[in-house]
């Protein structure tokens, strides 16, 4: 089963972490290590350089990663093209997505999926991460995409794409005259934040905790329940907000918002597919493979 070994390599190469790869593949970390060693022995080259707990790809590893991505993309293309010819690919599927994903990431790919599989009916519900997780556990949706860091039992979390949360404000806001602020200065800025239960808020709180800043010490001007509300608020105030880069791309391009860097603070996260552990649904699996095939094109 050399294909599975390539899958193991591909997962480690994308995560650069043996433990996370083992969790994602539902195998043990020693099994991951064994598969990588067998590939290295077969090709007689090292694929990873290890420096303590950190790893990085060697030149050979980068080459193999490019080939594995092409191989898996070809497999997906075969499956989709053959499935598209199958008149039995029809039915309905209920999706749930956290607000940022539903508004700024999914629409383009839902349209592409619908073009490929016109007889599949899709219903999309959006809400904060906590709401989408609840819908999944209550069997009200087949598949979810969320943006938080919490992990519930009986839910399988599969990384989808990486996102960055940035501090932004109106392009006309002159209260900060430099493109970067310190952590101390950040605590004095008037901030607009998302509501409790928001995956974005959860990620921000966790990132601040790592640099020894309690969320309660921030200068919260207002709580709003969507990125759209926050973006509409900012041009009429001197407030700041942490928002997904995906959500403000258009506003940055149109010179309506600007990014203010925070020294020593970087907030990155993954969007996750969520499914019930052990649950099967052929349309869900088809949609998952379609989205994962587009993963590196976002």
C-alpha atoms as a PDB file:
ATOM      1  CA  UNK A   1       0.000   0.000   0.000  1.00  0.00           C
ATOM      2  CA  UNK A   2       2.608   2.532  -1.107  1.00  0.00           C
ATOM      3  CA  UNK A   3      -0.142   5.097  -1.775  1.00  0.00           C
ATOM      4  CA  UNK A   4      -0.922   5.196   1.939  1.00  0.00           C
ATOM      5  CA  UNK A   5       2.735   5.815   2.742  1.00  0.00           C
ATOM      6  CA  UNK A   6       2.649   8.735   0.315  1.00  0.00           C
ATOM      7  CA  UNK A   7      -0.458   9.999   2.095  1.00  0.00           C
ATOM      8  CA  UNK A   8       1.397   9.791   5.408  1.00  0.00           C
ATOM      9  CA  UNK A   9       4.328  11.702   3.921  1.00  0.00           C
ATOM     10  CA  UNK A  10       2.020  14.303   2.390  1.00  0.00           C
ATOM     11  CA  UNK A  11       0.259  14.880   5.715  1.00  0.00           C
ATOM     12  CA  UNK A  12       3.522  15.241   7.642  1.00  0.00           C
ATOM     13  CA  UNK A  13       4.917  17.539   4.946  1.00  0.00           C
ATOM     14  CA  UNK A  14       1.897  19.849   5.118  1.00  0.00           C
ATOM     15  CA  UNK A  15       1.670  19.904   8.924  1.00  0.00           C
ATOM     16  CA  UNK A  16       5.437  19.645   9.645  1.00  0.00           C
ATOM     17  CA  UNK A  17       4.458  17.787  12.770  1.00  0.00           C
ATOM     18  CA  UNK A  18       4.457  14.016  13.299  1.00  0.00           C
ATOM     19  CA  UNK A  19       1.989  14.132  16.196  1.00  0.00           C
ATOM     20  CA  UNK A  20      -0.593  16.204  14.303  1.00  0.00           C
ATOM     21  CA  UNK A  21      -0.198  13.980  11.240  1.00  0.00           C
ATOM     22  CA  UNK A  22      -0.806  10.877  13.362  1.00  0.00           C
ATOM     23  CA  UNK A  23      -3.970  12.417  14.853  1.00  0.00           C
ATOM     24  CA  UNK A  24      -5.276  13.396  11.429  1.00  0.00           C
ATOM     25  CA  UNK A  25      -4.595   9.941   9.957  1.00  0.00           C
ATOM     26  CA  UNK A  26      -5.873   8.037  13.032  1.00  0.00           C
ATOM     27  CA  UNK A  27      -2.629   6.089  13.410  1.00  0.00           C
ATOM     28  CA  UNK A  28       0.101   6.167  16.060  1.00  0.00           C
ATOM     29  CA  UNK A  29       3.106   8.463  15.893  1.00  0.00           C
ATOM     30  CA  UNK A  30       5.522   5.467  15.728  1.00  0.00           C
ATOM     31  CA  UNK A  31       3.530   4.227  12.707  1.00  0.00           C
ATOM     32  CA  UNK A  32       3.968   7.634  11.025  1.00  0.00           C
ATOM     33  CA  UNK A  33       7.706   7.509  11.700  1.00  0.00           C
ATOM     34  CA  UNK A  34       7.924   3.949  10.321  1.00  0.00           C
ATOM     35  CA  UNK A  35       6.165   4.901   7.078  1.00  0.00           C
ATOM     36  CA  UNK A  36       8.467   7.901   6.562  1.00  0.00           C
ATOM     37  CA  UNK A  37      11.549   5.761   7.221  1.00  0.00           C
ATOM     38  CA  UNK A  38      10.360   3.163   4.688  1.00  0.00           C
ATOM     39  CA  UNK A  39       9.894   5.849   2.014  1.00  0.00           C
ATOM     40  CA  UNK A  40      13.353   7.284   2.792  1.00  0.00           C
ATOM     41  CA  UNK A  41      14.855   3.791   2.546  1.00  0.00           C
ATOM     42  CA  UNK A  42      13.079   3.122  -0.755  1.00  0.00           C
ATOM     43  CA  UNK A  43      14.288   6.356  -2.366  1.00  0.00           C
ATOM     44  CA  UNK A  44      17.591   6.366  -0.448  1.00  0.00           C
ATOM     45  CA  UNK A  45      17.321  10.000   0.614  1.00  0.00           C
ATOM     46  CA  UNK A  46      16.291  12.053   3.630  1.00  0.00           C
ATOM     47  CA  UNK A  47      12.930  13.798   3.342  1.00  0.00           C
ATOM     48  CA  UNK A  48      12.993  15.812   6.574  1.00  0.00           C
ATOM     49  CA  UNK A  49      15.607  17.635   8.591  1.00  0.00           C
ATOM     50  CA  UNK A  50      15.056  17.405  12.330  1.00  0.00           C
ATOM     51  CA  UNK A  51      16.089  20.100  14.791  1.00  0.00           C
ATOM     52  CA  UNK A  52      14.846  19.142  18.240  1.00  0.00           C
ATOM     53  CA  UNK A  53      11.055  19.051  18.064  1.00  0.00           C
ATOM     54  CA  UNK A  54      10.918  20.974  14.775  1.00  0.00           C
ATOM     55  CA  UNK A  55      11.176  19.498  11.302  1.00  0.00           C
ATOM     56  CA  UNK A  56      11.477  20.927   7.821  1.00  0.00           C
ATOM     57  CA  UNK A  57      11.525  19.485   4.332  1.00  0.00           C
ATOM     58  CA  UNK A  58      14.795  18.714   2.581  1.00  0.00           C
ATOM     59  CA  UNK A  59      15.191  19.439  -1.135  1.00  0.00           C
ATOM     60  CA  UNK A  60      14.169  15.820  -1.782  1.00  0.00           C
ATOM     61  CA  UNK A  61      11.163  16.267   0.489  1.00  0.00           C
ATOM     62  CA  UNK A  62      10.018  19.359  -1.403  1.00  0.00           C
ATOM     63  CA  UNK A  63      10.324  17.471  -4.686  1.00  0.00           C
ATOM     64  CA  UNK A  64       8.333  14.508  -3.373  1.00  0.00           C
ATOM     65  CA  UNK A  65       5.676  16.829  -1.936  1.00  0.00           C
ATOM     66  CA  UNK A  66       5.139  18.385  -5.368  1.00  0.00           C
ATOM     67  CA  UNK A  67       4.754  14.931  -6.914  1.00  0.00           C
ATOM     68  CA  UNK A  68       2.367  13.671  -4.220  1.00  0.00           C
ATOM     69  CA  UNK A  69       0.131  16.713  -4.637  1.00  0.00           C
ATOM     70  CA  UNK A  70      -0.011  16.055  -8.392  1.00  0.00           C
ATOM     71  CA  UNK A  71      -0.758  12.362  -7.769  1.00  0.00           C
ATOM     72  CA  UNK A  72      -3.584  13.024  -5.300  1.00  0.00           C
ATOM     73  CA  UNK A  73      -5.039  15.773  -7.505  1.00  0.00           C
ATOM     74  CA  UNK A  74      -5.088  13.301 -10.397  1.00  0.00           C
ATOM     75  CA  UNK A  75      -6.884  10.716  -8.238  1.00  0.00           C
ATOM     76  CA  UNK A  76      -9.486  13.307  -7.268  1.00  0.00           C
ATOM     77  CA  UNK A  77      -9.957  14.390 -10.886  1.00  0.00           C
ATOM     78  CA  UNK A  78     -10.546  10.779 -11.922  1.00  0.00           C
ATOM     79  CA  UNK A  79     -13.108  10.262  -9.175  1.00  0.00           C
ATOM     80  CA  UNK A  80     -14.948  13.507  -9.882  1.00  0.00           C
ATOM     81  CA  UNK A  81     -14.990  13.099 -13.664  1.00  0.00           C
ATOM     82  CA  UNK A  82     -16.296   9.537 -13.426  1.00  0.00           C
ATOM     83  CA  UNK A  83     -18.807  10.508 -10.755  1.00  0.00           C
ATOM     84  CA  UNK A  84     -20.051  13.373 -12.917  1.00  0.00           C
ATOM     85  CA  UNK A  85     -20.897  10.825 -15.613  1.00  0.00           C
ATOM     86  CA  UNK A  86     -22.878   8.755 -13.137  1.00  0.00           C
ATOM     87  CA  UNK A  87     -26.544   9.675 -13.353  1.00  0.00           C
ATOM     88  CA  UNK A  88     -27.012   8.478  -9.764  1.00  0.00           C
ATOM     89  CA  UNK A  89     -25.033  11.391  -8.301  1.00  0.00           C
ATOM     90  CA  UNK A  90     -28.003  13.251  -6.920  1.00  0.00           C
ATOM     91  CA  UNK A  91     -29.569  13.981  -3.577  1.00  0.00           C
ATOM     92  CA  UNK A  92     -29.405  16.674  -0.917  1.00  0.00           C
ATOM     93  CA  UNK A  93     -26.820  17.760   1.619  1.00  0.00           C
ATOM     94  CA  UNK A  94     -26.985  20.184   4.537  1.00  0.00           C
ATOM     95  CA  UNK A  95     -23.868  22.211   5.250  1.00  0.00           C
ATOM     96  CA  UNK A  96     -23.045  24.523   8.123  1.00  0.00           C
ATOM     97  CA  UNK A  97     -20.251  27.084   8.152  1.00  0.00           C
ATOM     98  CA  UNK A  98     -19.020  29.684  10.574  1.00  0.00           C
ATOM     99  CA  UNK A  99     -19.715  33.214   9.424  1.00  0.00           C
ATOM    100  CA  UNK A 100     -16.293  34.072   7.968  1.00  0.00           C
ATOM    101  CA  UNK A 101     -16.147  30.861   5.945  1.00  0.00           C
ATOM    102  CA  UNK A 102     -19.756  31.109   4.734  1.00  0.00           C
ATOM    103  CA  UNK A 103     -19.403  34.698   3.570  1.00  0.00           C
ATOM    104  CA  UNK A 104     -15.870  34.923   2.227  1.00  0.00           C
ATOM    105  CA  UNK A 105     -14.544  31.446   1.385  1.00  0.00           C
ATOM    106  CA  UNK A 106     -17.321  29.029   0.424  1.00  0.00           C
ATOM    107  CA  UNK A 107     -19.515  30.762  -2.225  1.00  0.00           C
ATOM    108  CA  UNK A 108     -17.041  30.432  -5.100  1.00  0.00           C
ATOM    109  CA  UNK A 109     -16.496  26.728  -4.412  1.00  0.00           C
ATOM    110  CA  UNK A 110     -20.169  25.970  -3.885  1.00  0.00           C
ATOM    111  CA  UNK A 111     -20.821  27.398  -7.360  1.00  0.00           C
ATOM    112  CA  UNK A 112     -18.080  25.209  -8.866  1.00  0.00           C
ATOM    113  CA  UNK A 113     -19.397  22.120  -7.074  1.00  0.00           C
ATOM    114  CA  UNK A 114     -22.933  22.840  -8.315  1.00  0.00           C
ATOM    115  CA  UNK A 115     -21.697  23.134 -11.888  1.00  0.00           C
ATOM    116  CA  UNK A 116     -19.998  19.745 -11.624  1.00  0.00           C
ATOM    117  CA  UNK A 117     -22.889  18.043  -9.812  1.00  0.00           C
ATOM    118  CA  UNK A 118     -26.083  19.927 -10.794  1.00  0.00           C
ATOM    119  CA  UNK A 119     -28.425  17.303  -9.327  1.00  0.00           C
ATOM    120  CA  UNK A 120     -27.110  17.711  -5.776  1.00  0.00           C
ATOM    121  CA  UNK A 121     -29.208  20.104  -3.697  1.00  0.00           C
ATOM    122  CA  UNK A 122     -27.268  22.009  -1.038  1.00  0.00           C
ATOM    123  CA  UNK A 123     -28.577  23.972   1.928  1.00  0.00           C
ATOM    124  CA  UNK A 124     -26.086  26.188   3.774  1.00  0.00           C
ATOM    125  CA  UNK A 125     -26.580  27.485   7.310  1.00  0.00           C
ATOM    126  CA  UNK A 126     -24.172  29.975   8.855  1.00  0.00           C
ATOM    127  CA  UNK A 127     -23.522  31.043  12.433  1.00  0.00           C
ATOM    128  CA  UNK A 128     -20.701  31.187  14.922  1.00  0.00           C
ATOM    129  CA  UNK A 129     -18.523  28.137  15.521  1.00  0.00           C
ATOM    130  CA  UNK A 130     -20.391  27.027  18.636  1.00  0.00           C
ATOM    131  CA  UNK A 131     -23.711  27.121  16.766  1.00  0.00           C
ATOM    132  CA  UNK A 132     -22.373  25.071  13.837  1.00  0.00           C
ATOM    133  CA  UNK A 133     -20.884  22.451  16.186  1.00  0.00           C
ATOM    134  CA  UNK A 134     -24.248  22.197  17.949  1.00  0.00           C
ATOM    135  CA  UNK A 135     -26.071  21.693  14.640  1.00  0.00           C
ATOM    136  CA  UNK A 136     -23.677  18.868  13.747  1.00  0.00           C
ATOM    137  CA  UNK A 137     -24.077  17.054  17.066  1.00  0.00           C
ATOM    138  CA  UNK A 138     -27.865  17.426  16.764  1.00  0.00           C
ATOM    139  CA  UNK A 139     -27.759  15.839  13.254  1.00  0.00           C
ATOM    140  CA  UNK A 140     -29.188  18.989  11.667  1.00  0.00           C
ATOM    141  CA  UNK A 141     -26.292  19.276   9.204  1.00  0.00           C
ATOM    142  CA  UNK A 142     -24.151  16.650   7.453  1.00  0.00           C
ATOM    143  CA  UNK A 143     -20.884  18.607   7.414  1.00  0.00           C
ATOM    144  CA  UNK A 144     -19.552  21.809   8.933  1.00  0.00           C
ATOM    145  CA  UNK A 145     -16.633  24.172   8.441  1.00  0.00           C
ATOM    146  CA  UNK A 146     -15.575  26.129  11.522  1.00  0.00           C
ATOM    147  CA  UNK A 147     -12.815  28.479  12.609  1.00  0.00           C
ATOM    148  CA  UNK A 148     -12.313  27.860  16.322  1.00  0.00           C
ATOM    149  CA  UNK A 149      -9.718  25.982  18.343  1.00  0.00           C
ATOM    150  CA  UNK A 150     -12.022  24.054  20.676  1.00  0.00           C
ATOM    151  CA  UNK A 151     -12.244  20.322  20.171  1.00  0.00           C
ATOM    152  CA  UNK A 152     -15.396  18.441  21.151  1.00  0.00           C
ATOM    153  CA  UNK A 153     -15.624  14.732  21.685  1.00  0.00           C
ATOM    154  CA  UNK A 154     -17.433  12.795  18.940  1.00  0.00           C
ATOM    155  CA  UNK A 155     -16.507  15.436  16.343  1.00  0.00           C
ATOM    156  CA  UNK A 156     -13.710  14.862  13.843  1.00  0.00           C
ATOM    157  CA  UNK A 157     -11.737  18.014  12.966  1.00  0.00           C
ATOM    158  CA  UNK A 158      -9.840  18.017   9.655  1.00  0.00           C
ATOM    159  CA  UNK A 159      -7.672  21.065   8.785  1.00  0.00           C
ATOM    160  CA  UNK A 160      -8.870  22.805   5.616  1.00  0.00           C
ATOM    161  CA  UNK A 161      -6.973  26.048   4.924  1.00  0.00           C
ATOM    162  CA  UNK A 162      -4.869  28.451   6.934  1.00  0.00           C
ATOM    163  CA  UNK A 163      -6.143  31.921   7.765  1.00  0.00           C
ATOM    164  CA  UNK A 164      -4.573  34.965   9.403  1.00  0.00           C
ATOM    165  CA  UNK A 165      -6.353  37.353  11.744  1.00  0.00           C
ATOM    166  CA  UNK A 166      -5.068  40.922  11.518  1.00  0.00           C
ATOM    167  CA  UNK A 167      -5.687  44.175  13.382  1.00  0.00           C
ATOM    168  CA  UNK A 168      -7.358  46.701  11.108  1.00  0.00           C
ATOM    169  CA  UNK A 169      -9.019  50.092  11.185  1.00  0.00           C
ATOM    170  CA  UNK A 170     -10.482  52.725   8.868  1.00  0.00           C
ATOM    171  CA  UNK A 171      -8.070  54.157   6.315  1.00  0.00           C
ATOM    172  CA  UNK A 172      -9.029  57.610   7.674  1.00  0.00           C
ATOM    173  CA  UNK A 173      -8.172  56.784  11.296  1.00  0.00           C
ATOM    174  CA  UNK A 174      -5.248  59.025  12.279  1.00  0.00           C
ATOM    175  CA  UNK A 175      -5.198  58.119  15.976  1.00  0.00           C
ATOM    176  CA  UNK A 176      -2.247  55.800  15.323  1.00  0.00           C
ATOM    177  CA  UNK A 177       0.383  57.441  13.159  1.00  0.00           C
ATOM    178  CA  UNK A 178       2.638  54.416  12.665  1.00  0.00           C
ATOM    179  CA  UNK A 179       2.020  51.082  10.905  1.00  0.00           C
ATOM    180  CA  UNK A 180       2.960  49.017  13.962  1.00  0.00           C
ATOM    181  CA  UNK A 181       1.938  49.156  17.646  1.00  0.00           C
ATOM    182  CA  UNK A 182       3.332  47.484  20.739  1.00  0.00           C
ATOM    183  CA  UNK A 183       1.444  45.039  22.942  1.00  0.00           C
ATOM    184  CA  UNK A 184       1.145  47.771  25.588  1.00  0.00           C
ATOM    185  CA  UNK A 185      -0.310  50.213  23.034  1.00  0.00           C
ATOM    186  CA  UNK A 186      -2.731  47.548  21.809  1.00  0.00           C
ATOM    187  CA  UNK A 187      -4.351  47.368  25.246  1.00  0.00           C
ATOM    188  CA  UNK A 188      -5.254  51.067  25.049  1.00  0.00           C
ATOM    189  CA  UNK A 189      -6.839  50.990  21.584  1.00  0.00           C
ATOM    190  CA  UNK A 190     -10.665  51.002  21.351  1.00  0.00           C
ATOM    191  CA  UNK A 191     -11.603  47.572  20.016  1.00  0.00           C
ATOM    192  CA  UNK A 192     -14.691  46.105  18.363  1.00  0.00           C
ATOM    193  CA  UNK A 193     -14.939  42.364  19.027  1.00  0.00           C
ATOM    194  CA  UNK A 194     -17.127  39.400  18.124  1.00  0.00           C
ATOM    195  CA  UNK A 195     -19.587  37.784  20.510  1.00  0.00           C
ATOM    196  CA  UNK A 196     -18.920  34.892  22.894  1.00  0.00           C
ATOM    197  CA  UNK A 197     -19.093  31.609  20.966  1.00  0.00           C
ATOM    198  CA  UNK A 198     -17.329  33.109  17.961  1.00  0.00           C
ATOM    199  CA  UNK A 199     -14.435  30.975  16.711  1.00  0.00           C
ATOM    200  CA  UNK A 200     -12.533  34.136  15.766  1.00  0.00           C
ATOM    201  CA  UNK A 201     -12.823  35.511  19.300  1.00  0.00           C
ATOM    202  CA  UNK A 202     -11.647  32.186  20.725  1.00  0.00           C
ATOM    203  CA  UNK A 203      -8.526  32.250  18.552  1.00  0.00           C
ATOM    204  CA  UNK A 204      -7.771  35.896  19.429  1.00  0.00           C
ATOM    205  CA  UNK A 205      -8.117  35.244  23.176  1.00  0.00           C
ATOM    206  CA  UNK A 206      -5.781  32.220  22.924  1.00  0.00           C
ATOM    207  CA  UNK A 207      -3.172  34.209  20.965  1.00  0.00           C
ATOM    208  CA  UNK A 208      -3.255  37.075  23.468  1.00  0.00           C
ATOM    209  CA  UNK A 209      -2.883  34.648  26.358  1.00  0.00           C
ATOM    210  CA  UNK A 210       0.366  33.382  24.813  1.00  0.00           C
ATOM    211  CA  UNK A 211       1.823  36.908  25.081  1.00  0.00           C
ATOM    212  CA  UNK A 212       0.490  37.331  28.634  1.00  0.00           C
ATOM    213  CA  UNK A 213      -2.402  39.652  27.811  1.00  0.00           C
ATOM    214  CA  UNK A 214      -5.750  38.941  29.426  1.00  0.00           C
ATOM    215  CA  UNK A 215      -8.763  39.647  27.238  1.00  0.00           C
ATOM    216  CA  UNK A 216     -10.342  41.518  30.168  1.00  0.00           C
ATOM    217  CA  UNK A 217      -7.510  44.077  30.019  1.00  0.00           C
ATOM    218  CA  UNK A 218      -8.446  45.199  26.504  1.00  0.00           C
ATOM    219  CA  UNK A 219     -10.360  48.409  25.846  1.00  0.00           C
ATOM    220  CA  UNK A 220     -13.577  46.947  24.398  1.00  0.00           C
ATOM    221  CA  UNK A 221     -15.714  49.632  22.765  1.00  0.00           C
ATOM    222  CA  UNK A 222     -18.460  47.350  21.440  1.00  0.00           C
ATOM    223  CA  UNK A 223     -19.429  43.724  20.762  1.00  0.00           C
ATOM    224  CA  UNK A 224     -20.938  42.947  17.340  1.00  0.00           C
ATOM    225  CA  UNK A 225     -22.126  39.594  15.998  1.00  0.00           C
ATOM    226  CA  UNK A 226     -20.603  39.521  12.515  1.00  0.00           C
ATOM    227  CA  UNK A 227     -17.574  40.617  10.537  1.00  0.00           C
ATOM    228  CA  UNK A 228     -19.877  42.565   8.217  1.00  0.00           C
ATOM    229  CA  UNK A 229     -21.235  44.600  11.145  1.00  0.00           C
ATOM    230  CA  UNK A 230     -17.712  45.323  12.337  1.00  0.00           C
ATOM    231  CA  UNK A 231     -16.565  46.364   8.862  1.00  0.00           C
ATOM    232  CA  UNK A 232     -19.548  48.708   8.557  1.00  0.00           C
ATOM    233  CA  UNK A 233     -18.775  50.219  11.961  1.00  0.00           C
ATOM    234  CA  UNK A 234     -15.059  50.894  11.497  1.00  0.00           C
ATOM    235  CA  UNK A 235     -15.274  53.621   8.786  1.00  0.00           C
ATOM    236  CA  UNK A 236     -17.431  55.731  11.114  1.00  0.00           C
ATOM    237  CA  UNK A 237     -15.125  55.533  14.144  1.00  0.00           C
ATOM    238  CA  UNK A 238     -11.511  55.490  15.293  1.00  0.00           C
ATOM    239  CA  UNK A 239     -11.919  51.949  16.593  1.00  0.00           C
ATOM    240  CA  UNK A 240      -9.870  48.879  15.679  1.00  0.00           C
ATOM    241  CA  UNK A 241     -10.805  45.231  15.174  1.00  0.00           C
ATOM    242  CA  UNK A 242      -9.167  41.862  14.694  1.00  0.00           C
ATOM    243  CA  UNK A 243     -10.613  40.376  11.495  1.00  0.00           C
ATOM    244  CA  UNK A 244      -9.831  37.510   9.141  1.00  0.00           C
ATOM    245  CA  UNK A 245      -7.681  38.575   6.207  1.00  0.00           C
ATOM    246  CA  UNK A 246     -10.185  36.718   3.989  1.00  0.00           C
ATOM    247  CA  UNK A 247     -12.964  38.989   5.209  1.00  0.00           C
ATOM    248  CA  UNK A 248     -11.267  42.330   4.479  1.00  0.00           C
ATOM    249  CA  UNK A 249      -9.591  41.598   1.151  1.00  0.00           C
ATOM    250  CA  UNK A 250     -12.027  43.783  -0.799  1.00  0.00           C
ATOM    251  CA  UNK A 251     -11.858  46.647   1.717  1.00  0.00           C
ATOM    252  CA  UNK A 252      -8.055  46.644   1.590  1.00  0.00           C
ATOM    253  CA  UNK A 253      -8.131  46.673  -2.197  1.00  0.00           C
ATOM    254  CA  UNK A 254     -10.628  49.570  -2.214  1.00  0.00           C
ATOM    255  CA  UNK A 255      -8.581  51.569   0.313  1.00  0.00           C
ATOM    256  CA  UNK A 256     -11.359  51.510   2.917  1.00  0.00           C
ATOM    257  CA  UNK A 257      -9.460  49.677   5.676  1.00  0.00           C
ATOM    258  CA  UNK A 258      -5.797  49.372   6.582  1.00  0.00           C
ATOM    259  CA  UNK A 259      -3.820  46.815   8.591  1.00  0.00           C
ATOM    260  CA  UNK A 260      -1.906  47.829  11.718  1.00  0.00           C
ATOM    261  CA  UNK A 261       0.744  45.292  12.737  1.00  0.00           C
ATOM    262  CA  UNK A 262       1.138  44.365  16.398  1.00  0.00           C
ATOM    263  CA  UNK A 263       4.740  43.760  17.443  1.00  0.00           C
ATOM    264  CA  UNK A 264       5.357  40.227  18.756  1.00  0.00           C
ATOM    265  CA  UNK A 265       1.791  39.104  17.979  1.00  0.00           C
ATOM    266  CA  UNK A 266       0.837  36.865  15.085  1.00  0.00           C
ATOM    267  CA  UNK A 267      -2.578  35.218  14.915  1.00  0.00           C
ATOM    268  CA  UNK A 268      -2.846  32.283  12.538  1.00  0.00           C
ATOM    269  CA  UNK A 269      -5.440  29.548  12.552  1.00  0.00           C
ATOM    270  CA  UNK A 270      -6.928  26.802  10.423  1.00  0.00           C
ATOM    271  CA  UNK A 271     -10.451  26.519   9.192  1.00  0.00           C
ATOM    272  CA  UNK A 272     -11.602  22.962   9.971  1.00  0.00           C
ATOM    273  CA  UNK A 273     -14.022  20.553   8.347  1.00  0.00           C
ATOM    274  CA  UNK A 274     -16.107  18.971  11.105  1.00  0.00           C
ATOM    275  CA  UNK A 275     -17.940  15.658  10.818  1.00  0.00           C
ATOM    276  CA  UNK A 276     -19.402  13.194  13.272  1.00  0.00           C
ATOM    277  CA  UNK A 277     -16.952  10.479  14.288  1.00  0.00           C
ATOM    278  CA  UNK A 278     -17.748   7.301  12.389  1.00  0.00           C
ATOM    279  CA  UNK A 279     -20.536   8.844  10.323  1.00  0.00           C
ATOM    280  CA  UNK A 280     -20.740   8.136   6.579  1.00  0.00           C
ATOM    281  CA  UNK A 281     -22.579  10.057   3.886  1.00  0.00           C
ATOM    282  CA  UNK A 282     -21.542   9.562   0.246  1.00  0.00           C
ATOM    283  CA  UNK A 283     -22.381  13.130  -0.802  1.00  0.00           C
ATOM    284  CA  UNK A 284     -20.515  14.499   2.204  1.00  0.00           C
ATOM    285  CA  UNK A 285     -17.447  12.477   1.246  1.00  0.00           C
ATOM    286  CA  UNK A 286     -17.721  13.707  -2.346  1.00  0.00           C
ATOM    287  CA  UNK A 287     -17.929  17.335  -1.220  1.00  0.00           C
ATOM    288  CA  UNK A 288     -15.015  16.905   1.199  1.00  0.00           C
ATOM    289  CA  UNK A 289     -12.774  15.513  -1.529  1.00  0.00           C
ATOM    290  CA  UNK A 290     -13.818  18.291  -3.892  1.00  0.00           C
ATOM    291  CA  UNK A 291     -12.949  20.996  -1.349  1.00  0.00           C
ATOM    292  CA  UNK A 292      -9.670  19.350  -0.359  1.00  0.00           C
ATOM    293  CA  UNK A 293      -8.777  19.211  -4.044  1.00  0.00           C
ATOM    294  CA  UNK A 294      -9.117  23.003  -4.153  1.00  0.00           C
ATOM    295  CA  UNK A 295      -7.250  23.462  -0.858  1.00  0.00           C
ATOM    296  CA  UNK A 296      -4.024  24.895  -2.246  1.00  0.00           C
ATOM    297  CA  UNK A 297      -5.764  27.175  -4.754  1.00  0.00           C
ATOM    298  CA  UNK A 298      -7.363  29.455  -2.155  1.00  0.00           C
END
